Protein backbone atom coordinates (compact mmCIF):
# COMPACT_ATOMS: atom_id res chain seq x y z
CA MET A 1 0.00 0.00 0.00
CA ARG A 2 2.81 2.41 0.90
CA GLY A 3 4.61 1.67 -2.36
CA LEU A 4 1.47 2.24 -4.40
CA LYS A 5 0.76 5.54 -2.65
CA GLU A 6 4.34 6.62 -3.32
CA ALA A 7 3.97 5.70 -7.01
CA LEU A 8 0.67 7.55 -7.35
CA SER A 9 2.01 10.58 -5.53
CA LYS A 10 5.11 10.64 -7.75
CA GLY A 11 3.09 10.35 -10.96
CA ALA A 12 0.58 13.02 -9.94
CA GLN A 13 3.31 15.43 -8.79
CA GLN A 14 5.17 14.99 -12.08
CA ALA A 15 2.03 15.65 -14.16
CA VAL A 16 1.18 18.76 -12.13
CA ALA A 17 4.77 20.04 -12.30
CA ASN A 18 4.95 19.54 -16.07
CA LEU A 19 1.68 21.37 -16.74
CA GLY A 20 1.71 24.02 -14.01
CA LYS A 21 4.58 26.04 -15.46
CA ASP A 22 4.91 28.61 -18.20
CA GLY A 23 4.35 26.75 -21.46
CA GLY A 24 3.14 23.61 -19.67
CA TYR A 25 0.02 23.42 -21.84
CA LEU A 26 0.96 25.75 -24.68
CA ASN A 27 4.18 23.94 -25.62
CA ASN A 28 2.84 20.40 -25.17
CA LEU A 29 1.00 19.31 -28.31
CA ASP A 30 -0.70 16.44 -26.42
CA VAL A 31 -2.60 18.84 -24.15
CA LYS A 32 -2.39 22.26 -25.82
CA ILE A 33 -5.79 23.93 -25.66
CA PRO A 34 -6.97 24.99 -29.11
CA LEU A 35 -9.68 27.55 -29.80
CA PRO A 36 -13.17 26.14 -29.20
CA ASP A 37 -14.74 24.53 -32.26
CA GLU A 38 -17.14 27.45 -32.53
CA LEU A 39 -14.18 29.79 -33.05
CA LYS A 40 -12.34 27.66 -35.60
CA LYS A 41 -14.06 29.51 -38.47
CA VAL A 42 -12.85 32.81 -37.03
CA GLU A 43 -9.32 31.43 -36.64
CA LYS A 44 -9.31 30.19 -40.25
CA LEU A 45 -10.57 33.56 -41.46
CA LEU A 46 -7.92 35.46 -39.48
CA ARG A 47 -5.13 33.24 -40.74
CA GLY A 48 -6.43 33.68 -44.28
CA LEU A 49 -6.25 37.45 -43.81
CA GLY A 50 -2.69 37.32 -42.48
CA GLN A 51 -3.83 38.12 -38.91
CA GLU A 52 -2.32 35.00 -37.30
CA LYS A 53 -0.95 36.94 -34.35
CA TYR A 54 -4.45 37.62 -32.98
CA ALA A 55 -5.39 33.94 -33.08
CA ASP A 56 -2.01 32.88 -31.65
CA GLN A 57 -2.18 35.42 -28.80
CA PHE A 58 -5.67 34.28 -27.93
CA VAL A 59 -4.71 30.59 -27.87
CA ALA A 60 -1.67 31.45 -25.71
CA THR A 61 -3.86 33.35 -23.23
CA LEU A 62 -6.25 30.40 -22.86
CA ASN A 63 -3.35 28.00 -22.26
CA HIS A 64 -1.66 30.27 -19.72
CA ALA A 65 -4.94 30.39 -17.75
CA ALA A 66 -4.89 26.57 -17.56
CA GLU A 67 -1.25 26.61 -16.45
CA LYS A 68 -2.15 28.88 -13.54
CA ALA A 69 -4.98 26.59 -12.39
CA VAL A 70 -3.16 23.26 -12.47
CA PRO A 71 -1.04 23.61 -9.28
CA GLU A 72 -4.32 23.47 -7.32
CA ALA A 73 -4.51 19.79 -8.23
CA ALA A 74 -1.55 18.87 -6.01
CA THR A 75 -3.43 19.10 -2.71
CA ILE A 76 -6.55 17.48 -4.17
CA PHE A 77 -4.54 14.48 -5.37
CA ALA A 78 -2.61 14.25 -2.09
CA ASP A 79 -5.91 14.11 -0.17
CA SER A 80 -7.34 11.38 -2.38
CA ILE A 81 -4.15 9.32 -2.05
CA SER A 82 -4.20 9.59 1.75
CA GLN A 83 -7.87 8.52 1.84
CA MET A 84 -7.33 5.53 -0.44
CA SER A 85 -8.71 2.25 0.89
CA MET A 86 -7.11 -1.18 0.59
CA THR A 87 -9.87 -2.09 -1.90
CA ASP A 88 -8.97 0.94 -4.04
CA ALA A 89 -5.30 -0.06 -3.93
CA LYS A 90 -6.03 -3.64 -5.02
CA SER A 91 -8.23 -2.39 -7.87
CA ILE A 92 -5.43 -0.14 -9.10
CA LEU A 93 -2.73 -2.81 -8.85
CA ASN A 94 -4.81 -5.52 -10.53
CA GLY A 95 -6.72 -3.26 -12.91
CA PRO A 96 -5.98 -2.04 -16.43
CA ASN A 97 -2.94 0.08 -17.26
CA ASP A 98 -4.88 3.28 -16.56
CA ALA A 99 -6.52 2.08 -13.33
CA ALA A 100 -4.80 4.75 -11.22
CA THR A 101 -5.85 7.47 -13.66
CA GLN A 102 -9.44 6.20 -13.53
CA TYR A 103 -9.29 6.27 -9.72
CA PHE A 104 -8.01 9.86 -9.74
CA ARG A 105 -10.65 10.96 -12.24
CA LYS A 106 -13.53 9.34 -10.36
CA ALA A 107 -12.39 10.67 -6.97
CA ASN A 108 -11.31 14.15 -8.02
CA GLU A 109 -12.77 15.39 -11.30
CA ALA A 110 -15.65 17.36 -9.75
CA LYS A 111 -13.35 18.92 -7.12
CA LEU A 112 -10.77 19.85 -9.75
CA ARG A 113 -13.36 21.54 -11.96
CA GLU A 114 -14.74 23.44 -8.97
CA ARG A 115 -11.26 24.57 -7.88
CA PHE A 116 -9.98 25.35 -11.39
CA LEU A 117 -12.86 27.51 -12.59
CA PRO A 118 -12.34 30.58 -10.36
CA ILE A 119 -8.58 30.49 -11.06
CA VAL A 120 -9.18 30.29 -14.80
CA GLN A 121 -11.69 33.15 -14.53
CA ALA A 122 -9.23 35.29 -12.58
CA ALA A 123 -6.41 34.48 -15.01
CA THR A 124 -8.48 35.25 -18.10
CA ASN A 125 -9.73 38.49 -16.55
CA GLN A 126 -6.22 39.54 -15.58
CA ALA A 127 -4.84 38.62 -19.00
CA GLY A 128 -7.63 40.52 -20.70
CA VAL A 129 -9.23 37.55 -22.43
CA THR A 130 -12.47 39.47 -22.73
CA SER A 131 -10.74 42.29 -24.55
CA ALA A 132 -8.66 39.79 -26.57
CA TYR A 133 -11.90 38.02 -27.48
CA LYS A 134 -13.49 41.28 -28.58
CA LYS A 135 -10.42 42.06 -30.65
CA LEU A 136 -10.64 38.63 -32.21
CA MET A 137 -14.32 39.13 -33.01
CA GLN A 138 -13.67 42.60 -34.48
CA LYS A 139 -10.98 41.18 -36.73
CA ALA A 140 -13.34 38.38 -37.80
CA GLY A 141 -15.98 40.90 -38.81
CA PRO A 142 -19.33 39.61 -40.12
CA ALA A 143 -18.29 35.94 -39.78
CA ALA A 144 -18.56 36.28 -35.98
CA GLN A 145 -22.37 36.45 -36.07
CA PHE A 146 -22.60 32.81 -37.22
CA LEU A 147 -20.95 31.40 -34.09
CA GLY A 148 -22.81 29.16 -31.67
CA SER A 149 -23.35 29.82 -27.99
CA GLY A 150 -20.39 27.58 -27.06
CA ALA A 151 -18.09 30.37 -28.14
CA THR A 152 -19.15 32.48 -25.17
CA ASP A 153 -18.27 30.29 -22.14
CA LEU A 154 -14.52 30.43 -22.61
CA ASP A 155 -13.70 29.98 -18.93
CA GLY A 156 -15.73 26.77 -18.73
CA TYR A 157 -14.10 25.55 -21.92
CA VAL A 158 -10.56 26.22 -20.62
CA GLU A 159 -11.32 24.65 -17.24
CA GLY A 160 -12.65 21.48 -18.92
CA LYS A 161 -9.67 21.21 -21.26
CA ALA A 162 -7.26 21.88 -18.38
CA VAL A 163 -8.72 19.00 -16.37
CA ASP A 164 -8.74 16.66 -19.39
CA GLY A 165 -5.11 17.53 -20.15
CA LEU A 166 -4.11 16.87 -16.55
CA PHE A 167 -5.64 13.38 -16.62
CA LYS A 168 -3.96 12.70 -19.95
CA MET A 169 -0.59 13.52 -18.40
CA ILE A 170 -1.35 11.41 -15.31
CA ALA A 171 -2.18 8.49 -17.61
CA ALA A 172 1.17 8.96 -19.38
CA GLU A 173 3.00 8.99 -16.03
CA GLU A 174 1.12 5.87 -14.92
CA GLN A 175 2.19 4.08 -18.11
CA ARG A 176 5.82 5.03 -17.54
CA ILE A 177 5.80 3.83 -13.95
CA ARG A 178 4.14 0.54 -14.87
CA GLN A 179 6.53 -0.10 -17.76
CA ASP A 180 9.75 0.81 -15.96
CA PRO A 181 9.20 1.31 -12.23
CA LEU A 182 12.90 1.39 -11.35
CA ALA A 183 13.65 4.18 -13.81
CA ARG A 184 10.79 6.24 -12.37
CA GLY A 185 11.75 6.08 -8.72
CA THR A 186 12.68 3.86 -5.82
CA GLU A 187 13.22 0.18 -5.16
CA LEU A 188 9.79 0.24 -3.51
CA LEU A 189 8.16 1.11 -6.83
CA LYS A 190 9.98 -1.79 -8.46
CA LYS A 191 8.54 -4.15 -5.87
CA VAL A 192 5.02 -2.79 -6.32
CA PHE A 193 4.80 -2.68 -10.11
CA GLY A 194 7.65 -4.99 -11.11
CA SER A 195 5.93 -7.92 -9.39
CA LEU A 196 2.86 -7.45 -11.57
CA GLY A 197 4.67 -8.37 -14.75
CA LYS A 198 2.80 -5.66 -16.68
């Protein structure tokens, strides 16, 4: 149990550290947050008009908001690891290769979304996302009127993508630990995951 908790803690900390820094989302193509689908037409139009910088700045702002929110996950994950039962531990050890990720998602997704949203809102307000969005819409001109309502809840969109990206990175860390426990940490990890023959 102690070895599993150490492995989960190590994987979660690594995922949070990788994403919760400048460029953590923006420079990682696996989790980079694109413009919402409703704004793709605007992005295409801007790029066609040689106004790429407006689209690029906007995408960067959305990703930086996610990067600011992600460190909040550390305490949430630490709490769920400390509250883990023996049954949870056995399910993770004997489950599929993403069993730990599934455990984290089930135990923490709602809390993460709740904690991330105000941080994303504060970050987008501070970074002037509203004014950047208006600028984007002005540059798009008449095409902007054809957008759906999903284009308006940018904070909710960023928060959702931030959480999804975090779980994607946790899944990647879990895979690494299961495949090569010794390379990822201590002898204790080797005993926990090496004995599984996965």
